[in-house]
Amino acid sequence: MHPQKKQWLAINVLGGIAVLGSYAHGLITHPQTRGLLWGDMPAPLQDVYGVTMWLATAGYLVFMYYVLFRVEAAEVRVGKRFGLGVINACCAAVVVGSAMWMPLTFVYLDDPSSALWFLIRADLIVVGVGAIGLIVSLFNLSARPTGPAGVVIIVALLLFALQTAFLDPFVWPAFFAKG
C-alpha cells in the first residue's frame, strides 16, 4: 500500500475511533448535562439535525470508500501540484476537530468563558474548512469520479459538508447558550 494511503487510513481509523470515543465518553460521563448540548434548539430542528448528522456520516463513509478502493495514491493529483497529502490534511482537520468538539463543549458547560466559546467556534470552523477542502479536492482530482458513482460520491460529500461547514459552525451556535 502506498505510504500516503497508509497515512490516510491511519488518520481515518484512529480519528474515527477518537471521534466516536469522545462522543461516547462525553455522553456517558455527563448524563445530567448532555441534553444541554442542544442549547435552546427547538425539538423539531433537533430531529432534522439528527437526520442530517446520519446523512453526513454516511457521506463521509462513501467518500472514504472511494478514496480507499478507487483512488490510486501514486497517481492522484489535486489540481496539478498536490497528491493525496492534501486530502490527508483535510481529513485530519475533520477528525481532530470533530473529536475535540464534545469535550470542549462539556468543559464550557462546566465553566463558560469567552475564550472557550471562541475555541469551540474555531474548532467547528476548522472541521468545516476541512470538509470544504475535501470537496475542492474531489472536484480537482486528476481521476475525478464520473457517471452515476461520481454523482453519488459528490452528493455524499456535499451532505457531509452541509453538516460540517454550515449547520455545525453556524446553526448550532445560534441556539447554544453562550453563558
N, C-alpha and C. Protein backbone atom coordinates (compact mmCIF):
# COMPACT_ATOMS: atom_id res chain seq x y z
N MET A 1 0.85 -1.17 0.00
CA MET A 1 0.00 0.00 0.00
C MET A 1 0.90 1.24 0.00
N HIS A 2 0.50 2.22 -0.77
CA HIS A 2 1.25 3.47 -0.89
C HIS A 2 1.34 4.16 0.48
N PRO A 3 2.48 4.79 0.81
CA PRO A 3 2.63 5.44 2.13
C PRO A 3 1.56 6.49 2.43
N GLN A 4 1.17 7.27 1.43
CA GLN A 4 0.13 8.28 1.68
C GLN A 4 -1.24 7.63 1.91
N LYS A 5 -1.46 6.49 1.28
CA LYS A 5 -2.72 5.77 1.51
C LYS A 5 -2.71 5.18 2.92
N LYS A 6 -1.56 4.69 3.38
CA LYS A 6 -1.45 4.20 4.76
C LYS A 6 -1.70 5.34 5.75
N GLN A 7 -1.14 6.50 5.43
CA GLN A 7 -1.34 7.66 6.29
C GLN A 7 -2.82 8.03 6.32
N TRP A 8 -3.47 8.03 5.16
CA TRP A 8 -4.89 8.34 5.08
C TRP A 8 -5.69 7.35 5.92
N LEU A 9 -5.35 6.07 5.81
CA LEU A 9 -6.06 5.04 6.56
C LEU A 9 -5.87 5.24 8.07
N ALA A 10 -4.64 5.54 8.48
CA ALA A 10 -4.37 5.77 9.91
C ALA A 10 -5.15 6.98 10.42
N ILE A 11 -5.15 8.06 9.64
CA ILE A 11 -5.89 9.26 10.04
C ILE A 11 -7.36 8.92 10.25
N ASN A 12 -7.94 8.19 9.34
CA ASN A 12 -9.37 7.93 9.41
C ASN A 12 -9.75 6.86 10.42
N VAL A 13 -8.92 5.83 10.58
CA VAL A 13 -9.23 4.79 11.57
C VAL A 13 -9.01 5.35 12.98
N LEU A 14 -7.82 5.92 13.23
CA LEU A 14 -7.55 6.46 14.56
C LEU A 14 -8.44 7.67 14.85
N GLY A 15 -8.63 8.51 13.83
CA GLY A 15 -9.51 9.67 14.01
C GLY A 15 -10.94 9.26 14.26
N GLY A 16 -11.41 8.25 13.54
CA GLY A 16 -12.77 7.76 13.74
C GLY A 16 -12.96 7.22 15.15
N ILE A 17 -11.97 6.48 15.63
CA ILE A 17 -12.03 5.97 17.00
C ILE A 17 -12.04 7.13 17.99
N ALA A 18 -11.22 8.15 17.73
CA ALA A 18 -11.17 9.31 18.62
C ALA A 18 -12.51 10.05 18.63
N VAL A 19 -13.12 10.23 17.46
CA VAL A 19 -14.41 10.92 17.39
C VAL A 19 -15.47 10.13 18.16
N LEU A 20 -15.61 8.86 17.82
CA LEU A 20 -16.63 8.04 18.49
C LEU A 20 -16.34 7.91 19.98
N GLY A 21 -15.06 7.78 20.32
CA GLY A 21 -14.68 7.69 21.73
C GLY A 21 -14.99 8.95 22.50
N SER A 22 -14.73 10.11 21.89
CA SER A 22 -15.01 11.37 22.59
C SER A 22 -16.51 11.55 22.78
N TYR A 23 -17.30 11.13 21.80
CA TYR A 23 -18.75 11.24 21.93
C TYR A 23 -19.26 10.28 23.00
N ALA A 24 -18.81 9.03 22.96
CA ALA A 24 -19.24 8.05 23.95
C ALA A 24 -18.83 8.49 25.35
N HIS A 25 -17.59 8.91 25.49
CA HIS A 25 -17.12 9.35 26.80
C HIS A 25 -17.93 10.55 27.30
N GLY A 26 -18.16 11.51 26.44
CA GLY A 26 -18.91 12.70 26.84
C GLY A 26 -20.32 12.37 27.27
N LEU A 27 -21.00 11.54 26.50
CA LEU A 27 -22.39 11.22 26.81
C LEU A 27 -22.51 10.34 28.05
N ILE A 28 -21.54 9.44 28.24
CA ILE A 28 -21.58 8.56 29.41
C ILE A 28 -21.22 9.31 30.69
N THR A 29 -20.23 10.20 30.60
CA THR A 29 -19.76 10.88 31.81
C THR A 29 -20.55 12.14 32.16
N HIS A 30 -21.44 12.56 31.29
CA HIS A 30 -22.23 13.78 31.55
C HIS A 30 -23.72 13.52 31.35
N PRO A 31 -24.28 12.52 32.03
CA PRO A 31 -25.69 12.21 31.79
C PRO A 31 -26.65 13.35 32.17
N GLN A 32 -26.27 14.15 33.18
CA GLN A 32 -27.16 15.22 33.61
C GLN A 32 -27.12 16.43 32.68
N THR A 33 -26.01 16.62 31.98
CA THR A 33 -25.88 17.83 31.16
C THR A 33 -25.85 17.56 29.66
N ARG A 34 -25.95 16.31 29.25
CA ARG A 34 -25.84 16.05 27.81
C ARG A 34 -26.98 16.67 27.01
N GLY A 35 -28.14 16.83 27.62
CA GLY A 35 -29.25 17.50 26.93
C GLY A 35 -28.96 18.97 26.66
N LEU A 36 -28.04 19.54 27.42
CA LEU A 36 -27.69 20.95 27.23
C LEU A 36 -26.87 21.19 25.96
N LEU A 37 -26.36 20.11 25.37
CA LEU A 37 -25.59 20.26 24.12
C LEU A 37 -26.43 20.89 23.01
N TRP A 38 -27.74 20.76 23.10
CA TRP A 38 -28.61 21.33 22.06
C TRP A 38 -28.88 22.80 22.30
N GLY A 39 -28.55 23.31 23.47
CA GLY A 39 -28.88 24.69 23.77
C GLY A 39 -30.39 24.84 23.78
N ASP A 40 -30.90 25.91 23.15
CA ASP A 40 -32.35 26.10 23.09
C ASP A 40 -32.90 25.80 21.69
N MET A 41 -32.23 24.87 21.01
CA MET A 41 -32.71 24.46 19.68
C MET A 41 -34.07 23.76 19.83
N PRO A 42 -35.07 24.17 19.05
CA PRO A 42 -36.39 23.53 19.14
C PRO A 42 -36.31 22.04 18.77
N ALA A 43 -37.15 21.25 19.42
CA ALA A 43 -37.15 19.80 19.20
C ALA A 43 -37.31 19.41 17.73
N PRO A 44 -38.20 20.05 16.96
CA PRO A 44 -38.30 19.66 15.55
C PRO A 44 -36.98 19.88 14.78
N LEU A 45 -36.28 20.95 15.11
CA LEU A 45 -35.00 21.20 14.46
C LEU A 45 -33.95 20.20 14.92
N GLN A 46 -34.03 19.78 16.19
CA GLN A 46 -33.13 18.73 16.67
C GLN A 46 -33.35 17.44 15.89
N ASP A 47 -34.61 17.14 15.58
CA ASP A 47 -34.92 15.94 14.79
C ASP A 47 -34.32 16.03 13.40
N VAL A 48 -34.44 17.19 12.77
CA VAL A 48 -33.84 17.40 11.45
C VAL A 48 -32.32 17.26 11.54
N TYR A 49 -31.77 17.87 12.57
CA TYR A 49 -30.32 17.82 12.80
C TYR A 49 -29.86 16.37 12.95
N GLY A 50 -30.66 15.57 13.67
CA GLY A 50 -30.33 14.16 13.84
C GLY A 50 -30.23 13.43 12.51
N VAL A 51 -31.15 13.71 11.61
CA VAL A 51 -31.13 13.09 10.28
C VAL A 51 -29.91 13.58 9.50
N THR A 52 -29.65 14.88 9.54
CA THR A 52 -28.52 15.40 8.76
C THR A 52 -27.19 14.88 9.28
N MET A 53 -27.11 14.62 10.59
CA MET A 53 -25.86 14.05 11.13
C MET A 53 -25.62 12.65 10.57
N TRP A 54 -26.68 11.85 10.49
CA TRP A 54 -26.52 10.49 9.92
C TRP A 54 -26.20 10.56 8.43
N LEU A 55 -26.84 11.48 7.71
CA LEU A 55 -26.52 11.63 6.28
C LEU A 55 -25.08 12.09 6.09
N ALA A 56 -24.61 12.99 6.95
CA ALA A 56 -23.23 13.46 6.87
C ALA A 56 -22.26 12.32 7.13
N THR A 57 -22.56 11.51 8.13
CA THR A 57 -21.71 10.36 8.44
C THR A 57 -21.67 9.40 7.26
N ALA A 58 -22.82 9.11 6.71
CA ALA A 58 -22.87 8.22 5.54
C ALA A 58 -22.09 8.82 4.38
N GLY A 59 -22.22 10.14 4.19
CA GLY A 59 -21.49 10.81 3.11
C GLY A 59 -19.99 10.68 3.28
N TYR A 60 -19.51 10.86 4.50
CA TYR A 60 -18.07 10.72 4.75
C TYR A 60 -17.62 9.28 4.50
N LEU A 61 -18.44 8.31 4.92
CA LEU A 61 -18.08 6.91 4.70
C LEU A 61 -18.03 6.56 3.22
N VAL A 62 -18.95 7.11 2.44
CA VAL A 62 -18.92 6.88 0.98
C VAL A 62 -17.64 7.47 0.40
N PHE A 63 -17.28 8.67 0.82
CA PHE A 63 -16.05 9.28 0.35
C PHE A 63 -14.83 8.45 0.77
N MET A 64 -14.84 7.94 2.01
CA MET A 64 -13.74 7.09 2.47
C MET A 64 -13.62 5.85 1.59
N TYR A 65 -14.74 5.22 1.26
CA TYR A 65 -14.73 4.05 0.39
C TYR A 65 -14.08 4.41 -0.95
N TYR A 66 -14.49 5.53 -1.50
CA TYR A 66 -13.95 5.95 -2.79
C TYR A 66 -12.43 6.12 -2.71
N VAL A 67 -11.95 6.83 -1.70
CA VAL A 67 -10.51 7.05 -1.58
C VAL A 67 -9.77 5.74 -1.36
N LEU A 68 -10.32 4.88 -0.51
CA LEU A 68 -9.64 3.63 -0.18
C LEU A 68 -9.57 2.67 -1.36
N PHE A 69 -10.68 2.53 -2.09
CA PHE A 69 -10.74 1.50 -3.11
C PHE A 69 -10.68 1.99 -4.55
N ARG A 70 -10.84 3.27 -4.79
CA ARG A 70 -10.89 3.76 -6.17
C ARG A 70 -9.80 4.76 -6.52
N VAL A 71 -9.10 5.27 -5.53
CA VAL A 71 -8.06 6.27 -5.79
C VAL A 71 -6.70 5.61 -5.71
N GLU A 72 -5.93 5.75 -6.77
CA GLU A 72 -4.55 5.25 -6.78
C GLU A 72 -3.66 6.36 -6.23
N ALA A 73 -3.16 6.17 -5.03
CA ALA A 73 -2.42 7.22 -4.34
C ALA A 73 -1.22 7.72 -5.14
N ALA A 74 -0.52 6.83 -5.82
CA ALA A 74 0.68 7.23 -6.57
C ALA A 74 0.33 8.11 -7.77
N GLU A 75 -0.90 8.00 -8.25
CA GLU A 75 -1.30 8.72 -9.45
C GLU A 75 -2.18 9.94 -9.17
N VAL A 76 -2.72 10.03 -7.97
CA VAL A 76 -3.67 11.10 -7.69
C VAL A 76 -2.97 12.46 -7.67
N ARG A 77 -3.63 13.42 -8.27
CA ARG A 77 -3.20 14.81 -8.22
C ARG A 77 -4.43 15.66 -7.93
N VAL A 78 -4.27 16.55 -6.98
CA VAL A 78 -5.31 17.53 -6.70
C VAL A 78 -4.80 18.80 -7.34
N GLY A 79 -5.54 19.25 -8.34
CA GLY A 79 -5.01 20.31 -9.19
C GLY A 79 -3.89 19.66 -9.99
N LYS A 80 -2.80 20.33 -10.15
CA LYS A 80 -1.68 19.73 -10.86
C LYS A 80 -0.46 19.57 -9.97
N ARG A 81 -0.60 20.02 -8.70
CA ARG A 81 0.57 20.05 -7.83
C ARG A 81 0.52 19.06 -6.68
N PHE A 82 -0.64 18.85 -6.10
CA PHE A 82 -0.72 18.14 -4.83
C PHE A 82 -1.19 16.71 -5.01
N GLY A 83 -0.69 15.85 -4.17
CA GLY A 83 -1.12 14.46 -4.17
C GLY A 83 -2.13 14.21 -3.07
N LEU A 84 -2.17 12.97 -2.62
CA LEU A 84 -3.12 12.56 -1.60
C LEU A 84 -2.88 13.28 -0.27
N GLY A 85 -1.71 13.87 -0.10
CA GLY A 85 -1.40 14.57 1.14
C GLY A 85 -2.38 15.68 1.46
N VAL A 86 -2.90 16.37 0.45
CA VAL A 86 -3.86 17.44 0.70
C VAL A 86 -5.18 16.87 1.22
N ILE A 87 -5.58 15.73 0.70
CA ILE A 87 -6.79 15.06 1.20
C ILE A 87 -6.53 14.57 2.63
N ASN A 88 -5.33 14.06 2.89
CA ASN A 88 -4.98 13.62 4.24
C ASN A 88 -5.07 14.78 5.23
N ALA A 89 -4.57 15.94 4.83
CA ALA A 89 -4.61 17.11 5.71
C ALA A 89 -6.05 17.52 6.00
N CYS A 90 -6.90 17.50 4.98
CA CYS A 90 -8.31 17.85 5.18
C CYS A 90 -9.00 16.84 6.09
N CYS A 91 -8.73 15.56 5.88
CA CYS A 91 -9.32 14.52 6.74
C CYS A 91 -8.84 14.68 8.18
N ALA A 92 -7.57 15.00 8.36
CA ALA A 92 -7.04 15.19 9.71
C ALA A 92 -7.74 16.37 10.39
N ALA A 93 -7.95 17.45 9.67
CA ALA A 93 -8.66 18.60 10.24
C ALA A 93 -10.07 18.20 10.67
N VAL A 94 -10.73 17.40 9.84
CA VAL A 94 -12.10 16.97 10.14
C VAL A 94 -12.13 16.08 11.38
N VAL A 95 -11.28 15.06 11.43
CA VAL A 95 -11.40 14.11 12.55
C VAL A 95 -10.84 14.68 13.86
N VAL A 96 -9.77 15.44 13.80
CA VAL A 96 -9.23 16.04 15.03
C VAL A 96 -10.24 17.04 15.60
N GLY A 97 -10.73 17.93 14.74
CA GLY A 97 -11.72 18.90 15.20
C GLY A 97 -12.99 18.24 15.71
N SER A 98 -13.45 17.21 15.01
CA SER A 98 -14.67 16.51 15.43
C SER A 98 -14.48 15.82 16.78
N ALA A 99 -13.29 15.28 17.01
CA ALA A 99 -13.02 14.61 18.28
C ALA A 99 -12.92 15.62 19.43
N MET A 100 -12.57 16.85 19.13
CA MET A 100 -12.41 17.86 20.18
C MET A 100 -13.71 18.57 20.56
N TRP A 101 -14.70 18.58 19.66
CA TRP A 101 -15.89 19.38 19.89
C TRP A 101 -16.62 19.04 21.20
N MET A 102 -16.98 17.79 21.39
CA MET A 102 -17.77 17.45 22.57
C MET A 102 -17.02 17.67 23.88
N PRO A 103 -15.75 17.24 23.99
CA PRO A 103 -15.04 17.54 25.24
C PRO A 103 -14.95 19.05 25.52
N LEU A 104 -14.66 19.84 24.49
CA LEU A 104 -14.61 21.29 24.67
C LEU A 104 -15.95 21.84 25.13
N THR A 105 -17.02 21.33 24.55
CA THR A 105 -18.35 21.83 24.87
C THR A 105 -18.74 21.48 26.31
N PHE A 106 -18.39 20.28 26.76
CA PHE A 106 -18.69 19.93 28.15
C PHE A 106 -17.85 20.75 29.13
N VAL A 107 -16.61 21.03 28.78
CA VAL A 107 -15.79 21.90 29.63
C VAL A 107 -16.44 23.28 29.69
N TYR A 108 -16.91 23.76 28.55
CA TYR A 108 -17.58 25.06 28.50
C TYR A 108 -18.85 25.06 29.36
N LEU A 109 -19.62 23.98 29.29
CA LEU A 109 -20.85 23.92 30.09
C LEU A 109 -20.53 23.96 31.59
N ASP A 110 -19.41 23.36 31.97
CA ASP A 110 -19.00 23.37 33.39
C ASP A 110 -18.47 24.72 33.84
N ASP A 111 -17.80 25.43 32.94
CA ASP A 111 -17.16 26.70 33.32
C ASP A 111 -17.08 27.61 32.09
N PRO A 112 -18.19 28.27 31.72
CA PRO A 112 -18.22 29.08 30.50
C PRO A 112 -17.24 30.24 30.53
N SER A 113 -16.63 30.48 29.38
CA SER A 113 -15.78 31.66 29.22
C SER A 113 -15.78 32.06 27.75
N SER A 114 -15.51 33.31 27.50
CA SER A 114 -15.45 33.81 26.12
C SER A 114 -14.34 33.11 25.35
N ALA A 115 -13.21 32.87 25.99
CA ALA A 115 -12.09 32.22 25.31
C ALA A 115 -12.46 30.80 24.90
N LEU A 116 -13.14 30.08 25.77
CA LEU A 116 -13.54 28.71 25.45
C LEU A 116 -14.60 28.70 24.35
N TRP A 117 -15.53 29.66 24.41
CA TRP A 117 -16.55 29.76 23.35
C TRP A 117 -15.87 30.02 22.00
N PHE A 118 -14.87 30.90 21.99
CA PHE A 118 -14.11 31.16 20.77
C PHE A 118 -13.42 29.89 20.28
N LEU A 119 -12.84 29.13 21.19
CA LEU A 119 -12.15 27.89 20.83
C LEU A 119 -13.11 26.87 20.22
N ILE A 120 -14.30 26.74 20.79
CA ILE A 120 -15.31 25.83 20.23
C ILE A 120 -15.70 26.27 18.82
N ARG A 121 -15.94 27.56 18.65
CA ARG A 121 -16.31 28.08 17.32
C ARG A 121 -15.17 27.86 16.33
N ALA A 122 -13.94 28.12 16.74
CA ALA A 122 -12.78 27.92 15.86
C ALA A 122 -12.65 26.44 15.49
N ASP A 123 -12.88 25.57 16.45
CA ASP A 123 -12.82 24.13 16.21
C ASP A 123 -13.84 23.72 15.13
N LEU A 124 -15.06 24.21 15.26
CA LEU A 124 -16.10 23.88 14.28
C LEU A 124 -15.76 24.45 12.90
N ILE A 125 -15.16 25.60 12.87
CA ILE A 125 -14.77 26.19 11.57
C ILE A 125 -13.64 25.37 10.94
N VAL A 126 -12.71 24.88 11.73
CA VAL A 126 -11.63 24.04 11.20
C VAL A 126 -12.23 22.79 10.55
N VAL A 127 -13.19 22.16 11.21
CA VAL A 127 -13.85 20.98 10.64
C VAL A 127 -14.53 21.36 9.32
N GLY A 128 -15.24 22.47 9.30
CA GLY A 128 -15.91 22.92 8.08
C GLY A 128 -14.95 23.22 6.95
N VAL A 129 -13.83 23.85 7.28
CA VAL A 129 -12.81 24.14 6.26
C VAL A 129 -12.24 22.84 5.72
N GLY A 130 -12.02 21.86 6.61
CA GLY A 130 -11.55 20.55 6.15
C GLY A 130 -12.53 19.91 5.18
N ALA A 131 -13.83 20.01 5.50
CA ALA A 131 -14.86 19.44 4.62
C ALA A 131 -14.90 20.15 3.27
N ILE A 132 -14.81 21.47 3.29
CA ILE A 132 -14.77 22.21 2.03
C ILE A 132 -13.51 21.86 1.24
N GLY A 133 -12.41 21.68 1.95
CA GLY A 133 -11.17 21.24 1.28
C GLY A 133 -11.34 19.90 0.60
N LEU A 134 -12.09 19.00 1.21
CA LEU A 134 -12.35 17.69 0.58
C LEU A 134 -13.15 17.85 -0.70
N ILE A 135 -14.15 18.74 -0.67
CA ILE A 135 -14.95 18.98 -1.88
C ILE A 135 -14.08 19.58 -2.98
N VAL A 136 -13.31 20.59 -2.63
CA VAL A 136 -12.42 21.22 -3.62
C VAL A 136 -11.46 20.18 -4.18
N SER A 137 -10.93 19.34 -3.30
CA SER A 137 -10.01 18.28 -3.74
C SER A 137 -10.71 17.31 -4.70
N LEU A 138 -11.93 16.92 -4.33
CA LEU A 138 -12.67 15.97 -5.17
C LEU A 138 -12.90 16.55 -6.56
N PHE A 139 -13.27 17.83 -6.63
CA PHE A 139 -13.54 18.46 -7.93
C PHE A 139 -12.26 18.71 -8.73
N ASN A 140 -11.12 18.66 -8.06
CA ASN A 140 -9.85 18.90 -8.75
C ASN A 140 -8.99 17.66 -8.88
N LEU A 141 -9.54 16.50 -8.57
CA LEU A 141 -8.78 15.27 -8.72
C LEU A 141 -8.48 14.99 -10.18
N SER A 142 -7.29 14.49 -10.43
CA SER A 142 -6.93 14.13 -11.80
C SER A 142 -7.82 12.98 -12.30
N ALA A 143 -8.22 12.10 -11.41
CA ALA A 143 -9.09 10.98 -11.77
C ALA A 143 -10.42 11.16 -11.04
N ARG A 144 -11.11 12.24 -11.37
CA ARG A 144 -12.38 12.56 -10.72
C ARG A 144 -13.41 11.48 -11.02
N PRO A 145 -14.23 11.13 -10.03
CA PRO A 145 -15.25 10.11 -10.28
C PRO A 145 -16.27 10.61 -11.29
N THR A 146 -16.71 9.71 -12.15
CA THR A 146 -17.67 10.08 -13.19
C THR A 146 -18.87 9.14 -13.17
N GLY A 147 -19.85 9.47 -13.97
CA GLY A 147 -21.03 8.64 -14.09
C GLY A 147 -21.87 8.65 -12.83
N PRO A 148 -22.77 7.67 -12.71
CA PRO A 148 -23.64 7.60 -11.53
C PRO A 148 -22.85 7.49 -10.21
N ALA A 149 -21.78 6.73 -10.22
CA ALA A 149 -20.96 6.60 -9.00
C ALA A 149 -20.35 7.95 -8.62
N GLY A 150 -19.93 8.71 -9.62
CA GLY A 150 -19.38 10.02 -9.36
C GLY A 150 -20.40 10.96 -8.74
N VAL A 151 -21.63 10.89 -9.23
CA VAL A 151 -22.71 11.72 -8.68
C VAL A 151 -22.96 11.33 -7.23
N VAL A 152 -23.00 10.03 -6.94
CA VAL A 152 -23.23 9.57 -5.57
C VAL A 152 -22.13 10.09 -4.64
N ILE A 153 -20.88 10.00 -5.08
CA ILE A 153 -19.76 10.45 -4.25
C ILE A 153 -19.83 11.96 -4.02
N ILE A 154 -20.12 12.71 -5.05
CA ILE A 154 -20.21 14.16 -4.92
C ILE A 154 -21.37 14.54 -3.99
N VAL A 155 -22.54 13.94 -4.18
CA VAL A 155 -23.69 14.24 -3.31
C VAL A 155 -23.37 13.83 -1.87
N ALA A 156 -22.74 12.69 -1.70
CA ALA A 156 -22.38 12.23 -0.35
C ALA A 156 -21.47 13.23 0.34
N LEU A 157 -20.46 13.71 -0.36
CA LEU A 157 -19.54 14.67 0.25
C LEU A 157 -20.21 16.02 0.47
N LEU A 158 -21.13 16.41 -0.40
CA LEU A 158 -21.88 17.65 -0.19
C LEU A 158 -22.77 17.56 1.05
N LEU A 159 -23.36 16.39 1.30
CA LEU A 159 -24.16 16.20 2.52
C LEU A 159 -23.28 16.33 3.76
N PHE A 160 -22.08 15.77 3.67
CA PHE A 160 -21.13 15.90 4.77
C PHE A 160 -20.77 17.36 5.00
N ALA A 161 -20.52 18.07 3.93
CA ALA A 161 -20.14 19.48 4.05
C ALA A 161 -21.32 20.34 4.53
N LEU A 162 -22.54 20.01 4.14
CA LEU A 162 -23.70 20.75 4.64
C LEU A 162 -23.71 20.73 6.17
N GLN A 163 -23.47 19.56 6.73
CA GLN A 163 -23.47 19.43 8.19
C GLN A 163 -22.28 20.16 8.81
N THR A 164 -21.09 19.88 8.29
CA THR A 164 -19.87 20.33 8.97
C THR A 164 -19.44 21.75 8.62
N ALA A 165 -19.84 22.24 7.47
CA ALA A 165 -19.42 23.59 7.07
C ALA A 165 -20.53 24.62 7.19
N PHE A 166 -21.76 24.17 7.45
CA PHE A 166 -22.87 25.11 7.61
C PHE A 166 -23.62 24.91 8.93
N LEU A 167 -24.22 23.74 9.11
CA LEU A 167 -25.04 23.53 10.30
C LEU A 167 -24.23 23.61 11.59
N ASP A 168 -23.11 22.89 11.65
CA ASP A 168 -22.34 22.87 12.90
C ASP A 168 -21.72 24.22 13.26
N PRO A 169 -21.04 24.91 12.35
CA PRO A 169 -20.42 26.16 12.79
C PRO A 169 -21.34 27.38 12.81
N PHE A 170 -22.51 27.29 12.18
CA PHE A 170 -23.36 28.48 12.11
C PHE A 170 -24.75 28.29 12.75
N VAL A 171 -25.40 27.16 12.50
CA VAL A 171 -26.75 26.96 13.04
C VAL A 171 -26.67 26.54 14.52
N TRP A 172 -25.89 25.51 14.84
CA TRP A 172 -25.81 25.06 16.23
C TRP A 172 -25.43 26.19 17.18
N PRO A 173 -24.39 26.99 16.90
CA PRO A 173 -24.03 28.05 17.85
C PRO A 173 -25.14 29.09 18.06
N ALA A 174 -25.98 29.28 17.04
CA ALA A 174 -27.07 30.25 17.19
C ALA A 174 -28.06 29.84 18.27
N PHE A 175 -28.15 28.55 18.55
CA PHE A 175 -29.09 28.04 19.55
C PHE A 175 -28.42 27.68 20.86
N PHE A 176 -27.11 27.56 20.85
CA PHE A 176 -26.39 27.15 22.05
C PHE A 176 -26.19 28.34 22.99
N ALA A 177 -26.52 28.17 24.24
CA ALA A 177 -26.37 29.26 25.21
C ALA A 177 -24.89 29.59 25.42
N LYS A 178 -24.56 30.86 25.34
CA LYS A 178 -23.18 31.28 25.48
C LYS A 178 -22.84 31.72 26.90
N GLY A 179 -23.61 31.29 27.85
CA GLY A 179 -23.27 31.52 29.25
C GLY A 179 -23.60 32.87 29.78
